[in-house]
Amino acid sequence: MEAGTTIREDHAEGVASRRRLSLLSFNIQTGVETRDFHEYVTKSWKHVLPLRERMSNLNRIGALIRDYDLVGLQEVDSGSLRTGFLDQTEYLAHRARFPYWYRQVNRSLGRIAQHSNGVLSRIRPHAVDEYKLPGLRGRGAMLVEFQTNQEPLLVCIMHLALGKRARRLQLAYISDLVGEYSHLVVMGDFNCGASSHELQALVHGTHLQLPIEGMNTFPSWRPSRKYDHILISDSLNLKQARVLEHTHSDHLPVAVEIELPAGVQLAN
């Protein structure tokens, strides 16, 4: 686990003594704001070249995520030409004062692009493992484990493929990785809805519950599809779930507040 600034170490320990956790998942599209489908073509240059407004957008995202205990990021860049060689996960960790952060590079195009997932945490993880997902190169998952006074809490952050067959293979792989954990959160950009066969198979193979319907996240300017999910196991209590209306990407962020079971506390 790579750490950001340590000035918030005392705050991180305070978070660890609580049973409630606030979580957020956000596909940030490398800090590019999209307002219509035609911009994928007419403004495609924004995804390959440096962009001044990208930094302003990252700062707005940093302000948005500041109040959460753990944030899972998809479509971050780990330092290439298009971002001015800025590691966006590290930048957001410092900007929002997260003491712990980690990024997973899933597809490296050298100086051109570094396609990645990221995690920011106010709680010290016991372990962080990264996995390449089945299918075409470029999709990955991170498993972040937190110790408790009983069984550990596992958070899986991932970005799935666009194709149904690849997603089915990827979620079967994830199910094998996390299936034995009782306290489990799986979050990220699934690129599929709650009624999809591949997501339903994940739920049936684990202790996870189906996500809440109707919380659409894509496209951000007129959300009609729920592609971004935070699934929790049946051992955890869901206190709140919502989609945030912050159009800093082509996806909207999704947030939940969860509570650990009675008698279970995160270890310091």
C-alpha atoms as a PDB file:
ATOM      1  CA  MET A   1       0.000   0.000   0.000  1.00  0.00           C
ATOM      2  CA  GLU A   2       1.385   3.368  -0.956  1.00  0.00           C
ATOM      3  CA  ALA A   3       0.711   6.155   1.479  1.00  0.00           C
ATOM      4  CA  GLY A   4       0.009   9.772   0.841  1.00  0.00           C
ATOM      5  CA  THR A   5       0.658  12.384   3.488  1.00  0.00           C
ATOM      6  CA  THR A   6       0.872  11.129   7.057  1.00  0.00           C
ATOM      7  CA  ILE A   7      -0.479  14.294   8.674  1.00  0.00           C
ATOM      8  CA  ARG A   8      -3.915  12.643   8.890  1.00  0.00           C
ATOM      9  CA  GLU A   9      -2.693   9.529  10.671  1.00  0.00           C
ATOM     10  CA  ASP A  10      -4.486  10.481  13.881  1.00  0.00           C
ATOM     11  CA  HIS A  11      -7.726  11.005  11.938  1.00  0.00           C
ATOM     12  CA  ALA A  12      -7.360   7.603  10.268  1.00  0.00           C
ATOM     13  CA  GLU A  13      -7.174   5.885  13.652  1.00  0.00           C
ATOM     14  CA  GLY A  14     -10.327   7.681  14.771  1.00  0.00           C
ATOM     15  CA  VAL A  15     -12.189   6.355  11.734  1.00  0.00           C
ATOM     16  CA  ALA A  16     -11.032   2.827  12.517  1.00  0.00           C
ATOM     17  CA  SER A  17     -12.832   2.847  15.884  1.00  0.00           C
ATOM     18  CA  ARG A  18     -16.225   3.409  14.207  1.00  0.00           C
ATOM     19  CA  ARG A  19     -18.658   0.777  13.015  1.00  0.00           C
ATOM     20  CA  ARG A  20     -20.119   2.975  10.259  1.00  0.00           C
ATOM     21  CA  LEU A  21     -18.267   3.612   7.007  1.00  0.00           C
ATOM     22  CA  SER A  22     -19.056   5.899   4.097  1.00  0.00           C
ATOM     23  CA  LEU A  23     -18.009   4.543   0.695  1.00  0.00           C
ATOM     24  CA  LEU A  24     -18.007   6.086  -2.768  1.00  0.00           C
ATOM     25  CA  SER A  25     -17.359   4.645  -6.226  1.00  0.00           C
ATOM     26  CA  PHE A  26     -16.630   6.954  -9.164  1.00  0.00           C
ATOM     27  CA  ASN A  27     -15.530   6.455 -12.767  1.00  0.00           C
ATOM     28  CA  ILE A  28     -13.843   9.834 -13.266  1.00  0.00           C
ATOM     29  CA  GLN A  29     -12.941   9.428 -16.985  1.00  0.00           C
ATOM     30  CA  THR A  30      -9.436  10.794 -16.228  1.00  0.00           C
ATOM     31  CA  GLY A  31     -10.939  14.119 -15.218  1.00  0.00           C
ATOM     32  CA  VAL A  32     -12.707  14.766 -18.528  1.00  0.00           C
ATOM     33  CA  GLU A  33     -16.229  16.183 -18.284  1.00  0.00           C
ATOM     34  CA  THR A  34     -18.684  14.975 -20.966  1.00  0.00           C
ATOM     35  CA  ARG A  35     -22.061  16.579 -21.629  1.00  0.00           C
ATOM     36  CA  ASP A  36     -23.368  14.660 -24.654  1.00  0.00           C
ATOM     37  CA  PHE A  37     -22.631  11.513 -26.644  1.00  0.00           C
ATOM     38  CA  HIS A  38     -21.345  13.459 -29.657  1.00  0.00           C
ATOM     39  CA  GLU A  39     -18.491  14.763 -27.497  1.00  0.00           C
ATOM     40  CA  TYR A  40     -16.933  11.277 -27.506  1.00  0.00           C
ATOM     41  CA  VAL A  41     -16.109  12.070 -31.146  1.00  0.00           C
ATOM     42  CA  THR A  42     -15.911  15.850 -31.375  1.00  0.00           C
ATOM     43  CA  LYS A  43     -13.846  16.204 -28.213  1.00  0.00           C
ATOM     44  CA  SER A  44     -11.968  12.886 -28.303  1.00  0.00           C
ATOM     45  CA  TRP A  45      -8.673  14.827 -28.272  1.00  0.00           C
ATOM     46  CA  LYS A  46      -9.299  15.553 -24.589  1.00  0.00           C
ATOM     47  CA  HIS A  47      -8.569  11.900 -23.826  1.00  0.00           C
ATOM     48  CA  VAL A  48      -5.079  11.959 -25.379  1.00  0.00           C
ATOM     49  CA  LEU A  49      -3.731  15.487 -24.900  1.00  0.00           C
ATOM     50  CA  PRO A  50      -3.077  17.685 -21.853  1.00  0.00           C
ATOM     51  CA  LEU A  51      -6.081  19.778 -20.846  1.00  0.00           C
ATOM     52  CA  ARG A  52      -6.022  22.772 -18.531  1.00  0.00           C
ATOM     53  CA  GLU A  53      -9.608  22.275 -17.403  1.00  0.00           C
ATOM     54  CA  ARG A  54      -8.752  18.710 -16.351  1.00  0.00           C
ATOM     55  CA  MET A  55      -7.005  20.069 -13.238  1.00  0.00           C
ATOM     56  CA  SER A  56      -9.998  22.235 -12.313  1.00  0.00           C
ATOM     57  CA  ASN A  57     -12.224  19.202 -12.682  1.00  0.00           C
ATOM     58  CA  LEU A  58      -9.897  17.064 -10.548  1.00  0.00           C
ATOM     59  CA  ASN A  59     -10.030  19.723  -7.844  1.00  0.00           C
ATOM     60  CA  ARG A  60     -13.838  19.613  -7.905  1.00  0.00           C
ATOM     61  CA  ILE A  61     -13.683  15.822  -7.607  1.00  0.00           C
ATOM     62  CA  GLY A  62     -11.258  16.188  -4.683  1.00  0.00           C
ATOM     63  CA  ALA A  63     -13.752  18.427  -2.885  1.00  0.00           C
ATOM     64  CA  LEU A  64     -16.534  15.933  -3.572  1.00  0.00           C
ATOM     65  CA  ILE A  65     -14.745  12.877  -2.139  1.00  0.00           C
ATOM     66  CA  ARG A  66     -13.315  14.592   0.939  1.00  0.00           C
ATOM     67  CA  ASP A  67     -16.105  13.475   3.274  1.00  0.00           C
ATOM     68  CA  TYR A  68     -15.828   9.729   2.595  1.00  0.00           C
ATOM     69  CA  ASP A  69     -13.907   7.011   4.434  1.00  0.00           C
ATOM     70  CA  LEU A  70     -13.049   4.976   1.330  1.00  0.00           C
ATOM     71  CA  VAL A  71     -13.230   5.888  -2.352  1.00  0.00           C
ATOM     72  CA  GLY A  72     -12.880   3.510  -5.295  1.00  0.00           C
ATOM     73  CA  LEU A  73     -11.876   5.167  -8.578  1.00  0.00           C
ATOM     74  CA  GLN A  74     -12.061   3.870 -12.125  1.00  0.00           C
ATOM     75  CA  GLU A  75     -10.574   5.378 -15.292  1.00  0.00           C
ATOM     76  CA  VAL A  76      -7.807   7.239 -13.518  1.00  0.00           C
ATOM     77  CA  ASP A  77      -4.469   7.898 -15.181  1.00  0.00           C
ATOM     78  CA  SER A  78      -1.264   7.077 -13.310  1.00  0.00           C
ATOM     79  CA  GLY A  79       0.932   9.646 -15.068  1.00  0.00           C
ATOM     80  CA  SER A  80       1.193  10.176 -18.818  1.00  0.00           C
ATOM     81  CA  LEU A  81       1.239  12.887 -21.475  1.00  0.00           C
ATOM     82  CA  ARG A  82      -2.514  13.503 -21.362  1.00  0.00           C
ATOM     83  CA  THR A  83      -2.405  14.310 -17.634  1.00  0.00           C
ATOM     84  CA  GLY A  84       0.860  16.217 -17.661  1.00  0.00           C
ATOM     85  CA  PHE A  85       2.459  13.104 -16.105  1.00  0.00           C
ATOM     86  CA  LEU A  86       0.326  13.534 -12.996  1.00  0.00           C
ATOM     87  CA  ASP A  87      -0.623  10.434 -11.017  1.00  0.00           C
ATOM     88  CA  GLN A  88      -4.282  11.247 -10.510  1.00  0.00           C
ATOM     89  CA  THR A  89      -4.840   8.803  -7.639  1.00  0.00           C
ATOM     90  CA  GLU A  90      -1.951  10.304  -5.695  1.00  0.00           C
ATOM     91  CA  TYR A  91      -3.071  13.839  -6.508  1.00  0.00           C
ATOM     92  CA  LEU A  92      -6.624  13.221  -5.287  1.00  0.00           C
ATOM     93  CA  ALA A  93      -5.312  11.512  -2.140  1.00  0.00           C
ATOM     94  CA  HIS A  94      -3.297  14.621  -1.256  1.00  0.00           C
ATOM     95  CA  ARG A  95      -6.033  16.999  -2.370  1.00  0.00           C
ATOM     96  CA  ALA A  96      -8.724  15.294  -0.254  1.00  0.00           C
ATOM     97  CA  ARG A  97      -6.290  14.439   2.585  1.00  0.00           C
ATOM     98  CA  PHE A  98      -6.493  10.652   2.427  1.00  0.00           C
ATOM     99  CA  PRO A  99      -3.555   9.091   4.311  1.00  0.00           C
ATOM    100  CA  TYR A 100      -3.602   5.810   2.334  1.00  0.00           C
ATOM    101  CA  TRP A 101      -3.831   5.311  -1.400  1.00  0.00           C
ATOM    102  CA  TYR A 102      -3.018   2.726  -4.040  1.00  0.00           C
ATOM    103  CA  ARG A 103      -3.312   2.578  -7.810  1.00  0.00           C
ATOM    104  CA  GLN A 104      -3.439  -0.391 -10.156  1.00  0.00           C
ATOM    105  CA  VAL A 105      -2.219   0.134 -13.720  1.00  0.00           C
ATOM    106  CA  ASN A 106      -4.292  -2.138 -15.947  1.00  0.00           C
ATOM    107  CA  ARG A 107      -3.123  -0.988 -19.382  1.00  0.00           C
ATOM    108  CA  SER A 108       0.115   0.879 -19.862  1.00  0.00           C
ATOM    109  CA  LEU A 109       0.599   2.756 -23.124  1.00  0.00           C
ATOM    110  CA  GLY A 110       3.875   4.240 -21.986  1.00  0.00           C
ATOM    111  CA  ARG A 111       3.968   8.028 -22.151  1.00  0.00           C
ATOM    112  CA  ILE A 112       0.604   8.165 -23.947  1.00  0.00           C
ATOM    113  CA  ALA A 113      -1.724   6.751 -21.239  1.00  0.00           C
ATOM    114  CA  GLN A 114      -1.689   4.770 -17.995  1.00  0.00           C
ATOM    115  CA  HIS A 115      -5.191   3.316 -17.581  1.00  0.00           C
ATOM    116  CA  SER A 116      -5.743   2.521 -13.897  1.00  0.00           C
ATOM    117  CA  ASN A 117      -8.026   1.868 -10.947  1.00  0.00           C
ATOM    118  CA  GLY A 118      -7.443   3.646  -7.648  1.00  0.00           C
ATOM    119  CA  VAL A 119      -8.424   3.453  -3.995  1.00  0.00           C
ATOM    120  CA  LEU A 120      -8.232   6.160  -1.327  1.00  0.00           C
ATOM    121  CA  SER A 121      -8.725   5.250   2.324  1.00  0.00           C
ATOM    122  CA  ARG A 122      -8.764   6.887   5.732  1.00  0.00           C
ATOM    123  CA  ILE A 123      -8.344   3.450   7.307  1.00  0.00           C
ATOM    124  CA  ARG A 124      -5.057   1.570   7.211  1.00  0.00           C
ATOM    125  CA  PRO A 125      -5.519  -1.583   5.080  1.00  0.00           C
ATOM    126  CA  HIS A 126      -4.085  -4.867   6.259  1.00  0.00           C
ATOM    127  CA  ALA A 127      -3.410  -5.923   2.664  1.00  0.00           C
ATOM    128  CA  VAL A 128      -3.977  -4.758  -0.921  1.00  0.00           C
ATOM    129  CA  ASP A 129      -3.817  -7.254  -3.786  1.00  0.00           C
ATOM    130  CA  GLU A 130      -4.336  -6.590  -7.474  1.00  0.00           C
ATOM    131  CA  TYR A 131      -5.581  -8.960 -10.155  1.00  0.00           C
ATOM    132  CA  LYS A 132      -5.800  -8.862 -13.927  1.00  0.00           C
ATOM    133  CA  LEU A 133      -9.290  -9.858 -15.029  1.00  0.00           C
ATOM    134  CA  PRO A 134     -10.010 -12.409 -17.785  1.00  0.00           C
ATOM    135  CA  GLY A 135     -10.707 -11.171 -21.304  1.00  0.00           C
ATOM    136  CA  LEU A 136      -8.925  -8.573 -23.357  1.00  0.00           C
ATOM    137  CA  ARG A 137      -5.991  -6.840 -21.696  1.00  0.00           C
ATOM    138  CA  GLY A 138      -6.784  -3.752 -19.656  1.00  0.00           C
ATOM    139  CA  ARG A 139      -9.313  -4.673 -16.943  1.00  0.00           C
ATOM    140  CA  GLY A 140      -8.401  -5.245 -13.320  1.00  0.00           C
ATOM    141  CA  ALA A 141      -9.605  -5.534  -9.740  1.00  0.00           C
ATOM    142  CA  MET A 142      -8.137  -4.586  -6.378  1.00  0.00           C
ATOM    143  CA  LEU A 143      -8.880  -6.432  -3.129  1.00  0.00           C
ATOM    144  CA  VAL A 144      -8.444  -4.247  -0.054  1.00  0.00           C
ATOM    145  CA  GLU A 145      -8.619  -6.106   3.258  1.00  0.00           C
ATOM    146  CA  PHE A 146      -9.268  -4.466   6.622  1.00  0.00           C
ATOM    147  CA  GLN A 147      -8.812  -6.298   9.895  1.00  0.00           C
ATOM    148  CA  THR A 148     -11.572  -6.411  12.485  1.00  0.00           C
ATOM    149  CA  ASN A 149     -11.821  -8.009  15.916  1.00  0.00           C
ATOM    150  CA  GLN A 150     -13.522 -10.928  14.130  1.00  0.00           C
ATOM    151  CA  GLU A 151     -13.579 -11.799  10.406  1.00  0.00           C
ATOM    152  CA  PRO A 152     -11.941  -9.267   8.050  1.00  0.00           C
ATOM    153  CA  LEU A 153     -13.787  -6.779   5.877  1.00  0.00           C
ATOM    154  CA  LEU A 154     -12.914  -7.084   2.188  1.00  0.00           C
ATOM    155  CA  VAL A 155     -13.519  -4.332  -0.366  1.00  0.00           C
ATOM    156  CA  CYS A 156     -13.176  -5.212  -4.063  1.00  0.00           C
ATOM    157  CA  ILE A 157     -12.816  -2.337  -6.546  1.00  0.00           C
ATOM    158  CA  MET A 158     -13.054  -3.120 -10.254  1.00  0.00           C
ATOM    159  CA  HIS A 159     -13.835  -1.941 -13.772  1.00  0.00           C
ATOM    160  CA  LEU A 160     -15.462  -4.537 -16.010  1.00  0.00           C
ATOM    161  CA  ALA A 161     -15.434  -4.983 -19.780  1.00  0.00           C
ATOM    162  CA  LEU A 162     -18.005  -3.670 -22.247  1.00  0.00           C
ATOM    163  CA  GLY A 163     -18.788  -7.128 -23.696  1.00  0.00           C
ATOM    164  CA  LYS A 164     -21.244  -9.454 -21.968  1.00  0.00           C
ATOM    165  CA  ARG A 165     -19.154 -12.601 -22.453  1.00  0.00           C
ATOM    166  CA  ALA A 166     -16.062 -10.956 -20.966  1.00  0.00           C
ATOM    167  CA  ARG A 167     -18.081  -9.596 -18.015  1.00  0.00           C
ATOM    168  CA  ARG A 168     -19.440 -13.055 -17.321  1.00  0.00           C
ATOM    169  CA  LEU A 169     -15.909 -14.470 -17.166  1.00  0.00           C
ATOM    170  CA  GLN A 170     -14.698 -11.556 -15.056  1.00  0.00           C
ATOM    171  CA  LEU A 171     -17.505 -11.769 -12.487  1.00  0.00           C
ATOM    172  CA  ALA A 172     -17.072 -15.553 -12.235  1.00  0.00           C
ATOM    173  CA  TYR A 173     -13.401 -14.894 -11.498  1.00  0.00           C
ATOM    174  CA  ILE A 174     -14.302 -12.263  -8.885  1.00  0.00           C
ATOM    175  CA  SER A 175     -16.798 -14.652  -7.303  1.00  0.00           C
ATOM    176  CA  ASP A 176     -14.044 -17.230  -6.812  1.00  0.00           C
ATOM    177  CA  LEU A 177     -11.756 -14.600  -5.259  1.00  0.00           C
ATOM    178  CA  VAL A 178     -14.219 -13.171  -2.732  1.00  0.00           C
ATOM    179  CA  GLY A 179     -16.822 -15.898  -2.234  1.00  0.00           C
ATOM    180  CA  GLU A 180     -15.602 -17.037   1.185  1.00  0.00           C
ATOM    181  CA  TYR A 181     -15.694 -13.585   2.810  1.00  0.00           C
ATOM    182  CA  SER A 182     -18.646 -12.870   5.097  1.00  0.00           C
ATOM    183  CA  HIS A 183     -18.062  -9.095   5.351  1.00  0.00           C
ATOM    184  CA  LEU A 184     -17.750  -8.013   1.736  1.00  0.00           C
ATOM    185  CA  VAL A 185     -18.149  -4.941  -0.474  1.00  0.00           C
ATOM    186  CA  VAL A 186     -17.806  -5.094  -4.273  1.00  0.00           C
ATOM    187  CA  MET A 187     -17.832  -1.746  -6.030  1.00  0.00           C
ATOM    188  CA  GLY A 188     -17.013  -0.144  -9.345  1.00  0.00           C
ATOM    189  CA  ASP A 189     -18.075   0.315 -12.943  1.00  0.00           C
ATOM    190  CA  PHE A 190     -19.775  -2.955 -13.881  1.00  0.00           C
ATOM    191  CA  ASN A 191     -20.916  -1.806 -17.350  1.00  0.00           C
ATOM    192  CA  CYS A 192     -24.145  -3.739 -16.730  1.00  0.00           C
ATOM    193  CA  GLY A 193     -27.361  -3.375 -14.776  1.00  0.00           C
ATOM    194  CA  ALA A 194     -28.707  -5.185 -11.733  1.00  0.00           C
ATOM    195  CA  SER A 195     -30.912  -7.441 -13.868  1.00  0.00           C
ATOM    196  CA  SER A 196     -28.032  -8.728 -16.024  1.00  0.00           C
ATOM    197  CA  HIS A 197     -27.363 -12.462 -15.859  1.00  0.00           C
ATOM    198  CA  GLU A 198     -23.684 -11.970 -15.074  1.00  0.00           C
ATOM    199  CA  LEU A 199     -24.339  -9.718 -12.065  1.00  0.00           C
ATOM    200  CA  GLN A 200     -27.078 -12.027 -10.805  1.00  0.00           C
ATOM    201  CA  ALA A 201     -24.623 -14.940 -11.014  1.00  0.00           C
ATOM    202  CA  LEU A 202     -22.125 -12.997  -8.859  1.00  0.00           C
ATOM    203  CA  VAL A 203     -24.775 -12.435  -6.193  1.00  0.00           C
ATOM    204  CA  HIS A 204     -25.819 -16.095  -6.215  1.00  0.00           C
ATOM    205  CA  GLY A 205     -22.196 -17.235  -5.833  1.00  0.00           C
ATOM    206  CA  THR A 206     -21.402 -14.983  -2.869  1.00  0.00           C
ATOM    207  CA  HIS A 207     -22.942 -13.415   0.236  1.00  0.00           C
ATOM    208  CA  LEU A 208     -23.681 -10.247  -1.730  1.00  0.00           C
ATOM    209  CA  GLN A 209     -27.100  -8.667  -2.108  1.00  0.00           C
ATOM    210  CA  LEU A 210     -28.515  -7.221  -5.326  1.00  0.00           C
ATOM    211  CA  PRO A 211     -28.067  -3.446  -5.657  1.00  0.00           C
ATOM    212  CA  ILE A 212     -30.955  -1.044  -5.256  1.00  0.00           C
ATOM    213  CA  GLU A 213     -32.859  -0.500  -8.498  1.00  0.00           C
ATOM    214  CA  GLY A 214     -33.456   2.905 -10.027  1.00  0.00           C
ATOM    215  CA  MET A 215     -30.127   4.517  -9.069  1.00  0.00           C
ATOM    216  CA  ASN A 216     -29.033   5.388 -12.605  1.00  0.00           C
ATOM    217  CA  THR A 217     -25.466   6.607 -13.139  1.00  0.00           C
ATOM    218  CA  PHE A 218     -24.898   6.745 -16.914  1.00  0.00           C
ATOM    219  CA  PRO A 219     -24.734   8.948 -18.886  1.00  0.00           C
ATOM    220  CA  SER A 220     -24.155  11.670 -16.320  1.00  0.00           C
ATOM    221  CA  TRP A 221     -26.010  14.381 -18.293  1.00  0.00           C
ATOM    222  CA  ARG A 222     -29.170  12.246 -18.631  1.00  0.00           C
ATOM    223  CA  PRO A 223     -28.787   9.092 -16.493  1.00  0.00           C
ATOM    224  CA  SER A 224     -30.867   6.201 -17.795  1.00  0.00           C
ATOM    225  CA  ARG A 225     -28.696   3.168 -16.945  1.00  0.00           C
ATOM    226  CA  LYS A 226     -27.252   1.877 -13.707  1.00  0.00           C
ATOM    227  CA  TYR A 227     -23.731   0.728 -14.546  1.00  0.00           C
ATOM    228  CA  ASP A 228     -22.009   1.724 -11.304  1.00  0.00           C
ATOM    229  CA  HIS A 229     -22.728  -0.337  -8.203  1.00  0.00           C
ATOM    230  CA  ILE A 230     -21.728  -0.807  -4.593  1.00  0.00           C
ATOM    231  CA  LEU A 231     -22.830  -4.289  -3.526  1.00  0.00           C
ATOM    232  CA  ILE A 232     -22.610  -5.329   0.126  1.00  0.00           C
ATOM    233  CA  SER A 233     -22.868  -8.719   1.822  1.00  0.00           C
ATOM    234  CA  ASP A 234     -25.902  -9.675   3.860  1.00  0.00           C
ATOM    235  CA  SER A 235     -23.849  -9.392   7.071  1.00  0.00           C
ATOM    236  CA  LEU A 236     -23.532  -5.622   6.633  1.00  0.00           C
ATOM    237  CA  ASN A 237     -26.276  -3.094   7.317  1.00  0.00           C
ATOM    238  CA  LEU A 238     -27.057  -0.582   4.584  1.00  0.00           C
ATOM    239  CA  LYS A 239     -27.866   2.751   6.216  1.00  0.00           C
ATOM    240  CA  GLN A 240     -27.968   4.943   3.118  1.00  0.00           C
ATOM    241  CA  ALA A 241     -27.468   4.696  -0.648  1.00  0.00           C
ATOM    242  CA  ARG A 242     -27.582   7.473  -3.217  1.00  0.00           C
ATOM    243  CA  VAL A 243     -26.326   8.706  -6.558  1.00  0.00           C
ATOM    244  CA  LEU A 244     -24.603  12.087  -6.413  1.00  0.00           C
ATOM    245  CA  GLU A 245     -25.558  14.676  -9.024  1.00  0.00           C
ATOM    246  CA  HIS A 246     -22.020  15.802  -9.789  1.00  0.00           C
ATOM    247  CA  THR A 247     -21.404  15.734 -13.525  1.00  0.00           C
ATOM    248  CA  HIS A 248     -17.601  15.794 -13.450  1.00  0.00           C
ATOM    249  CA  SER A 249     -17.413  12.721 -15.738  1.00  0.00           C
ATOM    250  CA  ASP A 250     -19.623  10.702 -18.079  1.00  0.00           C
ATOM    251  CA  HIS A 251     -20.626   8.640 -15.015  1.00  0.00           C
ATOM    252  CA  LEU A 252     -22.251   9.801 -11.795  1.00  0.00           C
ATOM    253  CA  PRO A 253     -20.689   8.694  -8.495  1.00  0.00           C
ATOM    254  CA  VAL A 254     -22.590   6.300  -6.244  1.00  0.00           C
ATOM    255  CA  ALA A 255     -22.270   6.387  -2.442  1.00  0.00           C
ATOM    256  CA  VAL A 256     -23.370   4.220   0.465  1.00  0.00           C
ATOM    257  CA  GLU A 257     -23.116   4.280   4.223  1.00  0.00           C
ATOM    258  CA  ILE A 258     -22.765   0.862   5.826  1.00  0.00           C
ATOM    259  CA  GLU A 259     -22.622  -0.439   9.377  1.00  0.00           C
ATOM    260  CA  LEU A 260     -20.651  -3.453  10.557  1.00  0.00           C
ATOM    261  CA  PRO A 261     -22.549  -6.136  12.521  1.00  0.00           C
ATOM    262  CA  ALA A 262     -23.015  -5.697  16.269  1.00  0.00           C
ATOM    263  CA  GLY A 263     -19.822  -6.611  18.090  1.00  0.00           C
ATOM    264  CA  VAL A 264     -17.600  -6.177  15.019  1.00  0.00           C
ATOM    265  CA  GLN A 265     -15.129  -3.280  14.956  1.00  0.00           C
ATOM    266  CA  LEU A 266     -12.305  -2.362  12.638  1.00  0.00           C
ATOM    267  CA  ALA A 267      -8.906  -3.028  14.181  1.00  0.00           C
ATOM    268  CA  ASN A 268      -6.627  -0.061  14.839  1.00  0.00           C
END
